[in-house]
């Protein structure tokens, strides 16, 4: 195995650990790792939508985590395979795989989460294009710092 794949594999395993751990909050706050296996899951659970609670901070936090973790996966994957389209496809397949696998771990695998994961991949893709168009990460960072400094200077001179 080539060493260049280690970051992708490591991040993928981190996603699998977080998504298949029985109690996400226990993992997050107490670092408890616990798996409950369900041999015969109900595959129709993938299509449940009545558990979407946008007014819950915990729910929104988890969904932002979904998007962010898969966005990071895309950035690592795109750098590793050196092809953005392949990285998008692989991340999308992995998103579906993680949600499907959750059904076997007494977690709530949902197609809506796959959509959120792919949304994170898309945002990371757009960010990578934006950065490339502006000359790379260093140049983009410097231009951003200059814009912020200019905005602060203009605000202070009022």
Protein backbone atom coordinates (compact mmCIF):
# COMPACT_ATOMS: atom_id res chain seq x y z
CA UNK A 1 0.00 0.00 0.00
CA UNK A 2 1.28 3.44 -0.89
CA UNK A 3 1.77 5.88 1.96
CA UNK A 4 -0.23 8.55 0.12
CA UNK A 5 -3.44 6.63 0.91
CA UNK A 6 -2.90 6.69 4.67
CA UNK A 7 -4.62 10.08 5.28
CA UNK A 8 -7.69 9.00 3.25
CA UNK A 9 -7.92 5.67 5.05
CA UNK A 10 -7.40 7.30 8.45
CA UNK A 11 -10.09 9.95 7.85
CA UNK A 12 -12.47 7.33 6.44
CA UNK A 13 -11.99 5.21 9.56
CA UNK A 14 -12.66 8.26 11.75
CA UNK A 15 -15.93 8.81 9.86
CA UNK A 16 -16.87 5.15 10.27
CA UNK A 17 -16.13 5.26 13.98
CA UNK A 18 -18.23 8.38 14.48
CA UNK A 19 -21.14 7.21 12.35
CA UNK A 20 -21.35 3.66 13.67
CA UNK A 21 -20.73 4.27 17.36
CA UNK A 22 -23.93 3.48 19.26
CA UNK A 23 -24.13 6.82 21.05
CA UNK A 24 -22.61 9.76 19.18
CA UNK A 25 -22.93 12.12 22.15
CA UNK A 26 -21.13 9.63 24.43
CA UNK A 27 -18.35 9.41 21.84
CA UNK A 28 -18.14 13.18 21.55
CA UNK A 29 -18.28 14.13 25.22
CA UNK A 30 -17.02 11.03 27.09
CA UNK A 31 -14.95 9.34 24.37
CA UNK A 32 -16.99 6.15 24.84
CA UNK A 33 -16.79 3.71 21.96
CA UNK A 34 -19.65 1.23 21.87
CA UNK A 35 -21.11 -0.76 19.00
CA UNK A 36 -24.49 -2.54 18.96
CA UNK A 37 -24.95 -4.94 16.08
CA UNK A 38 -28.33 -5.49 14.40
CA UNK A 39 -28.19 -8.54 12.15
CA UNK A 40 -31.47 -7.87 10.33
CA UNK A 41 -31.96 -4.12 9.92
CA UNK A 42 -35.02 -2.48 8.43
CA UNK A 43 -33.75 -1.01 5.15
CA UNK A 44 -36.81 1.21 4.80
CA UNK A 45 -35.34 3.27 7.67
CA UNK A 46 -33.12 4.87 5.03
CA UNK A 47 -36.15 6.78 3.78
CA UNK A 48 -37.42 8.15 7.12
CA UNK A 49 -37.69 11.95 7.13
CA UNK A 50 -39.85 12.68 10.17
CA UNK A 51 -36.77 12.79 12.42
CA UNK A 52 -35.41 15.95 10.82
CA UNK A 53 -35.37 18.57 13.60
CA UNK A 54 -33.88 21.81 12.31
CA UNK A 55 -34.81 23.58 15.55
CA UNK A 56 -32.52 21.27 17.57
CA UNK A 57 -28.97 22.60 18.06
CA UNK A 58 -27.66 19.07 18.52
CA UNK A 59 -29.28 17.92 15.27
CA UNK A 60 -27.91 20.89 13.31
CA UNK A 61 -24.47 20.39 14.89
CA UNK A 62 -24.45 16.75 13.78
CA UNK A 63 -25.50 17.62 10.25
CA UNK A 64 -22.84 20.34 9.97
CA UNK A 65 -20.41 17.65 11.17
CA UNK A 66 -21.63 15.37 8.38
CA UNK A 67 -21.02 18.01 5.73
CA UNK A 68 -17.69 19.09 7.19
CA UNK A 69 -16.32 15.56 7.61
CA UNK A 70 -17.20 14.63 4.03
CA UNK A 71 -15.89 17.96 2.74
CA UNK A 72 -12.56 17.21 4.40
CA UNK A 73 -12.68 13.68 3.00
CA UNK A 74 -13.14 15.13 -0.49
CA UNK A 75 -10.18 17.50 -0.11
CA UNK A 76 -7.93 14.66 1.09
CA UNK A 77 -9.26 12.26 -1.55
CA UNK A 78 -8.90 14.76 -4.41
CA UNK A 79 -5.28 15.39 -3.44
CA UNK A 80 -4.60 11.65 -3.13
CA UNK A 81 -6.17 10.47 -6.40
CA UNK A 82 -5.32 13.74 -8.18
CA UNK A 83 -8.71 13.80 -9.91
CA UNK A 84 -11.68 15.77 -8.56
CA UNK A 85 -14.39 13.82 -10.42
CA UNK A 86 -13.13 10.49 -9.09
CA UNK A 87 -12.92 11.99 -5.61
CA UNK A 88 -16.55 13.21 -5.81
CA UNK A 89 -17.75 9.78 -6.94
CA UNK A 90 -15.75 7.92 -4.28
CA UNK A 91 -16.93 10.27 -1.52
CA UNK A 92 -20.54 9.94 -2.68
CA UNK A 93 -20.30 6.15 -2.64
CA UNK A 94 -18.67 6.25 0.79
CA UNK A 95 -21.46 8.53 2.06
CA UNK A 96 -24.09 6.02 0.94
CA UNK A 97 -22.03 3.14 2.36
CA UNK A 98 -21.76 4.77 5.80
CA UNK A 99 -25.50 5.42 6.00
CA UNK A 100 -26.32 1.89 4.84
CA UNK A 101 -23.83 0.44 7.33
CA UNK A 102 -25.39 2.41 10.19
CA UNK A 103 -28.51 0.30 9.87
CA UNK A 104 -26.45 -2.69 11.02
CA UNK A 105 -25.15 -0.78 14.06
CA UNK A 106 -28.51 0.30 15.51
CA UNK A 107 -27.96 3.81 14.19
CA UNK A 108 -30.24 5.85 11.98
CA UNK A 109 -28.93 5.58 8.44
CA UNK A 110 -30.78 8.10 6.27
CA UNK A 111 -30.74 9.10 2.61
CA UNK A 112 -31.18 12.68 3.86
CA UNK A 113 -27.77 12.35 5.52
CA UNK A 114 -26.25 11.13 2.25
CA UNK A 115 -27.56 14.32 0.64
CA UNK A 116 -25.99 16.40 3.42
CA UNK A 117 -22.70 14.50 3.02
CA UNK A 118 -22.69 15.09 -0.72
CA UNK A 119 -23.51 18.74 -0.05
CA UNK A 120 -20.35 18.94 2.04
CA UNK A 121 -18.39 17.32 -0.79
CA UNK A 122 -19.83 19.83 -3.26
CA UNK A 123 -18.97 22.83 -1.05
CA UNK A 124 -15.40 21.54 -0.63
CA UNK A 125 -15.18 21.04 -4.40
CA UNK A 126 -16.33 24.62 -5.03
CA UNK A 127 -13.88 25.88 -2.41
CA UNK A 128 -11.03 23.98 -4.08
CA UNK A 129 -11.93 25.51 -7.47
CA UNK A 130 -12.12 28.98 -5.90
CA UNK A 131 -8.69 28.57 -4.31
CA UNK A 132 -7.14 27.24 -7.52
CA UNK A 133 -8.54 30.15 -9.54
CA UNK A 134 -6.90 32.58 -7.15
CA UNK A 135 -3.44 31.06 -7.34
CA UNK A 136 -3.44 28.48 -4.55
CA UNK A 137 -4.03 28.39 -0.83
CA UNK A 138 -1.27 30.83 0.16
CA UNK A 139 -2.27 33.46 -2.39
CA UNK A 140 -5.97 33.08 -1.55
CA UNK A 141 -5.27 33.38 2.17
CA UNK A 142 -3.15 36.50 1.66
CA UNK A 143 -5.81 38.16 -0.55
CA UNK A 144 -8.46 37.36 2.05
CA UNK A 145 -6.36 38.84 4.85
CA UNK A 146 -5.83 41.97 2.74
CA UNK A 147 -9.58 42.31 2.08
CA UNK A 148 -10.37 41.94 5.78
CA UNK A 149 -7.68 44.47 6.70
CA UNK A 150 -9.00 46.87 4.07
CA UNK A 151 -12.56 46.48 5.31
CA UNK A 152 -11.45 47.10 8.91
CA UNK A 153 -9.43 50.14 7.85
CA UNK A 154 -12.37 51.56 5.91
CA UNK A 155 -14.67 50.90 8.90
CA UNK A 156 -12.27 52.61 11.35
CA UNK A 157 -11.90 55.71 9.16
CA UNK A 158 -15.63 56.48 9.32
